Amino acid sequence: MPLVRITQQDVCTPEESRQMADIVQDVMLELFAAPPGDRYQILETLPVGSIIAEDTGLGLERSDGVVIIHITQQGRGEEQKKAIYAALSERLAAAGLVREDDLIVSVVENGHEDWSFGRGRAQFLTGEL
């Protein structure tokens, strides 16, 4: 069950932001095998100028449309991660939401002990999940 933070500058409409989140969720379901109904997303919009994203020497041409997708998850392998990088880039660009040079994706791992979904309990550890 990935936790996804989508951070962007204020260049999209609310409808475009929701469309972006829907595409990200579709990729999580399809390529990360997230269970249906497990949708944990934070949509964060910052003023233009709030994200500084250089090209890391790769020749990327960034714009104010930079989007950073940060995924916290557990148990996905290298091939799955490479697949989501490609799918997110292709699908968001095809929808006209994010230029491929403006998309940054970061995936981090954590364990069962790192989650509480409410009521102050660690549901993975208590067996509730």
C-alpha atoms as a PDB file:
ATOM      1  CA  MET A   1       0.000   0.000   0.000  1.00  0.00           C
ATOM      2  CA  PRO A   2       1.978   2.896  -1.302  1.00  0.00           C
ATOM      3  CA  LEU A   3       1.756   6.343   0.233  1.00  0.00           C
ATOM      4  CA  VAL A   4       2.181   8.847  -2.605  1.00  0.00           C
ATOM      5  CA  ARG A   5       2.987  12.538  -2.288  1.00  0.00           C
ATOM      6  CA  ILE A   6       2.547  14.503  -5.507  1.00  0.00           C
ATOM      7  CA  THR A   7       4.192  17.908  -5.233  1.00  0.00           C
ATOM      8  CA  GLN A   8       3.806  20.502  -7.951  1.00  0.00           C
ATOM      9  CA  GLN A   9       3.903  24.222  -8.434  1.00  0.00           C
ATOM     10  CA  ASP A  10       0.686  26.149  -8.973  1.00  0.00           C
ATOM     11  CA  VAL A  11       0.428  25.723 -12.746  1.00  0.00           C
ATOM     12  CA  CYS A  12      -2.367  23.102 -12.975  1.00  0.00           C
ATOM     13  CA  THR A  13      -6.097  23.375 -12.441  1.00  0.00           C
ATOM     14  CA  PRO A  14      -7.656  21.325  -9.620  1.00  0.00           C
ATOM     15  CA  GLU A  15      -9.137  19.052 -12.304  1.00  0.00           C
ATOM     16  CA  GLU A  16      -5.713  18.451 -13.845  1.00  0.00           C
ATOM     17  CA  SER A  17      -4.245  17.707 -10.406  1.00  0.00           C
ATOM     18  CA  ARG A  18      -6.985  15.142  -9.769  1.00  0.00           C
ATOM     19  CA  GLN A  19      -6.421  13.593 -13.209  1.00  0.00           C
ATOM     20  CA  MET A  20      -2.713  13.332 -12.390  1.00  0.00           C
ATOM     21  CA  ALA A  21      -3.526  11.622  -9.074  1.00  0.00           C
ATOM     22  CA  ASP A  22      -5.881   9.199 -10.850  1.00  0.00           C
ATOM     23  CA  ILE A  23      -3.171   8.245 -13.356  1.00  0.00           C
ATOM     24  CA  VAL A  24      -0.687   7.711 -10.523  1.00  0.00           C
ATOM     25  CA  GLN A  25      -3.209   5.477  -8.726  1.00  0.00           C
ATOM     26  CA  ASP A  26      -3.813   3.443 -11.890  1.00  0.00           C
ATOM     27  CA  VAL A  27      -0.054   2.844 -12.152  1.00  0.00           C
ATOM     28  CA  MET A  28       0.129   1.833  -8.476  1.00  0.00           C
ATOM     29  CA  LEU A  29      -2.675  -0.705  -8.984  1.00  0.00           C
ATOM     30  CA  GLU A  30      -1.302  -2.066 -12.230  1.00  0.00           C
ATOM     31  CA  LEU A  31       2.466  -2.153 -11.695  1.00  0.00           C
ATOM     32  CA  PHE A  32       2.906  -2.103  -7.906  1.00  0.00           C
ATOM     33  CA  ALA A  33      -0.026  -4.474  -7.322  1.00  0.00           C
ATOM     34  CA  ALA A  34      -1.524  -2.137  -4.749  1.00  0.00           C
ATOM     35  CA  PRO A  35      -4.774  -3.609  -3.438  1.00  0.00           C
ATOM     36  CA  PRO A  36      -7.984  -2.009  -4.749  1.00  0.00           C
ATOM     37  CA  GLY A  37      -9.275   0.529  -2.252  1.00  0.00           C
ATOM     38  CA  ASP A  38      -5.776   1.325  -0.982  1.00  0.00           C
ATOM     39  CA  ARG A  39      -5.399   4.903  -2.093  1.00  0.00           C
ATOM     40  CA  TYR A  40      -3.201   7.106   0.049  1.00  0.00           C
ATOM     41  CA  GLN A  41      -2.194  10.266  -1.790  1.00  0.00           C
ATOM     42  CA  ILE A  42      -1.166  13.747  -0.757  1.00  0.00           C
ATOM     43  CA  LEU A  43      -1.618  16.402  -3.425  1.00  0.00           C
ATOM     44  CA  GLU A  44       0.587  19.354  -2.621  1.00  0.00           C
ATOM     45  CA  THR A  45       0.582  22.569  -4.647  1.00  0.00           C
ATOM     46  CA  LEU A  46       3.218  25.190  -3.965  1.00  0.00           C
ATOM     47  CA  PRO A  47       3.676  28.709  -5.347  1.00  0.00           C
ATOM     48  CA  VAL A  48       5.749  28.945  -8.529  1.00  0.00           C
ATOM     49  CA  GLY A  49       9.395  29.275  -7.541  1.00  0.00           C
ATOM     50  CA  SER A  50       9.065  26.900  -4.583  1.00  0.00           C
ATOM     51  CA  ILE A  51      10.673  23.900  -6.300  1.00  0.00           C
ATOM     52  CA  ILE A  52      14.298  24.086  -7.340  1.00  0.00           C
ATOM     53  CA  ALA A  53      15.100  21.113  -9.565  1.00  0.00           C
ATOM     54  CA  GLU A  54      18.293  21.216 -11.560  1.00  0.00           C
ATOM     55  CA  ASP A  55      19.062  18.782 -14.355  1.00  0.00           C
ATOM     56  CA  THR A  56      21.796  16.752 -12.574  1.00  0.00           C
ATOM     57  CA  GLY A  57      23.962  17.052 -15.676  1.00  0.00           C
ATOM     58  CA  LEU A  58      21.502  15.038 -17.778  1.00  0.00           C
ATOM     59  CA  GLY A  59      20.539  17.835 -20.165  1.00  0.00           C
ATOM     60  CA  LEU A  60      16.981  18.036 -18.857  1.00  0.00           C
ATOM     61  CA  GLU A  61      15.087  21.229 -19.568  1.00  0.00           C
ATOM     62  CA  ARG A  62      12.953  21.994 -16.529  1.00  0.00           C
ATOM     63  CA  SER A  63       9.981  24.344 -16.502  1.00  0.00           C
ATOM     64  CA  ASP A  64       7.607  25.673 -13.847  1.00  0.00           C
ATOM     65  CA  GLY A  65       5.631  22.463 -14.460  1.00  0.00           C
ATOM     66  CA  VAL A  66       8.048  20.330 -12.422  1.00  0.00           C
ATOM     67  CA  VAL A  67       6.254  17.535 -10.529  1.00  0.00           C
ATOM     68  CA  ILE A  68       7.861  15.416  -7.826  1.00  0.00           C
ATOM     69  CA  ILE A  69       6.199  12.093  -7.031  1.00  0.00           C
ATOM     70  CA  HIS A  70       7.502  10.566  -3.811  1.00  0.00           C
ATOM     71  CA  ILE A  71       6.339   6.988  -3.146  1.00  0.00           C
ATOM     72  CA  THR A  72       6.769   5.305   0.225  1.00  0.00           C
ATOM     73  CA  GLN A  73       6.201   1.559  -0.106  1.00  0.00           C
ATOM     74  CA  GLN A  74       7.393  -1.895   0.831  1.00  0.00           C
ATOM     75  CA  GLY A  75       8.398  -4.978  -1.079  1.00  0.00           C
ATOM     76  CA  ARG A  76       8.703  -3.790  -4.667  1.00  0.00           C
ATOM     77  CA  GLY A  77      11.733  -4.828  -6.689  1.00  0.00           C
ATOM     78  CA  GLU A  78      13.988  -3.047  -9.138  1.00  0.00           C
ATOM     79  CA  GLU A  79      12.020  -4.104 -12.231  1.00  0.00           C
ATOM     80  CA  GLN A  80       8.730  -2.870 -10.763  1.00  0.00           C
ATOM     81  CA  LYS A  81      10.334   0.452  -9.880  1.00  0.00           C
ATOM     82  CA  LYS A  82      11.768   0.903 -13.370  1.00  0.00           C
ATOM     83  CA  ALA A  83       8.360   0.040 -14.824  1.00  0.00           C
ATOM     84  CA  ILE A  84       6.559   2.697 -12.787  1.00  0.00           C
ATOM     85  CA  TYR A  85       9.124   5.357 -13.702  1.00  0.00           C
ATOM     86  CA  ALA A  86       8.478   4.657 -17.390  1.00  0.00           C
ATOM     87  CA  ALA A  87       4.700   4.315 -17.046  1.00  0.00           C
ATOM     88  CA  LEU A  88       4.284   7.503 -15.028  1.00  0.00           C
ATOM     89  CA  SER A  89       6.405   9.484 -17.477  1.00  0.00           C
ATOM     90  CA  GLU A  90       4.594   8.124 -20.535  1.00  0.00           C
ATOM     91  CA  ARG A  91       1.051   8.381 -19.192  1.00  0.00           C
ATOM     92  CA  LEU A  92       1.350  11.808 -17.591  1.00  0.00           C
ATOM     93  CA  ALA A  93       3.001  13.214 -20.729  1.00  0.00           C
ATOM     94  CA  ALA A  94       0.398  11.593 -23.009  1.00  0.00           C
ATOM     95  CA  ALA A  95      -2.349  13.215 -20.923  1.00  0.00           C
ATOM     96  CA  GLY A  96      -0.628  16.585 -21.362  1.00  0.00           C
ATOM     97  CA  LEU A  97      -0.152  16.950 -17.605  1.00  0.00           C
ATOM     98  CA  VAL A  98       3.631  16.742 -17.127  1.00  0.00           C
ATOM     99  CA  ARG A  99       6.481  17.066 -19.596  1.00  0.00           C
ATOM    100  CA  GLU A 100       8.871  14.126 -19.342  1.00  0.00           C
ATOM    101  CA  ASP A 101      11.758  16.477 -18.448  1.00  0.00           C
ATOM    102  CA  ASP A 102       9.675  17.861 -15.563  1.00  0.00           C
ATOM    103  CA  LEU A 103       8.880  14.574 -13.794  1.00  0.00           C
ATOM    104  CA  ILE A 104      10.939  13.431 -10.817  1.00  0.00           C
ATOM    105  CA  VAL A 105       9.976  10.157  -9.091  1.00  0.00           C
ATOM    106  CA  SER A 106      11.483   8.892  -5.849  1.00  0.00           C
ATOM    107  CA  VAL A 107      10.646   5.521  -4.274  1.00  0.00           C
ATOM    108  CA  VAL A 108      11.589   4.726  -0.687  1.00  0.00           C
ATOM    109  CA  GLU A 109      11.095   1.531   1.296  1.00  0.00           C
ATOM    110  CA  ASN A 110       9.789   0.974   4.786  1.00  0.00           C
ATOM    111  CA  GLY A 111       8.535  -1.982   6.813  1.00  0.00           C
ATOM    112  CA  HIS A 112       5.369  -3.226   8.477  1.00  0.00           C
ATOM    113  CA  GLU A 113       6.361  -1.578  11.737  1.00  0.00           C
ATOM    114  CA  ASP A 114       6.390   1.815  10.023  1.00  0.00           C
ATOM    115  CA  TRP A 115       2.622   2.069   9.482  1.00  0.00           C
ATOM    116  CA  SER A 116      -0.385   2.972  11.591  1.00  0.00           C
ATOM    117  CA  PHE A 117      -3.652   3.544   9.757  1.00  0.00           C
ATOM    118  CA  GLY A 118      -5.496   4.925  12.752  1.00  0.00           C
ATOM    119  CA  ARG A 119      -6.541   4.316  16.345  1.00  0.00           C
ATOM    120  CA  GLY A 120      -2.906   4.314  17.449  1.00  0.00           C
ATOM    121  CA  ARG A 121      -2.331   0.726  16.332  1.00  0.00           C
ATOM    122  CA  ALA A 122       0.232  -0.863  14.038  1.00  0.00           C
ATOM    123  CA  GLN A 123      -2.289  -2.876  12.014  1.00  0.00           C
ATOM    124  CA  PHE A 124       0.312  -4.855  10.083  1.00  0.00           C
ATOM    125  CA  LEU A 125       1.876  -5.987  13.357  1.00  0.00           C
ATOM    126  CA  THR A 126      -1.413  -6.664  15.183  1.00  0.00           C
ATOM    127  CA  GLY A 127      -2.706  -8.811  12.314  1.00  0.00           C
ATOM    128  CA  GLU A 128      -5.571  -6.459  11.454  1.00  0.00           C
ATOM    129  CA  LEU A 129      -4.049  -6.152   7.969  1.00  0.00           C
END
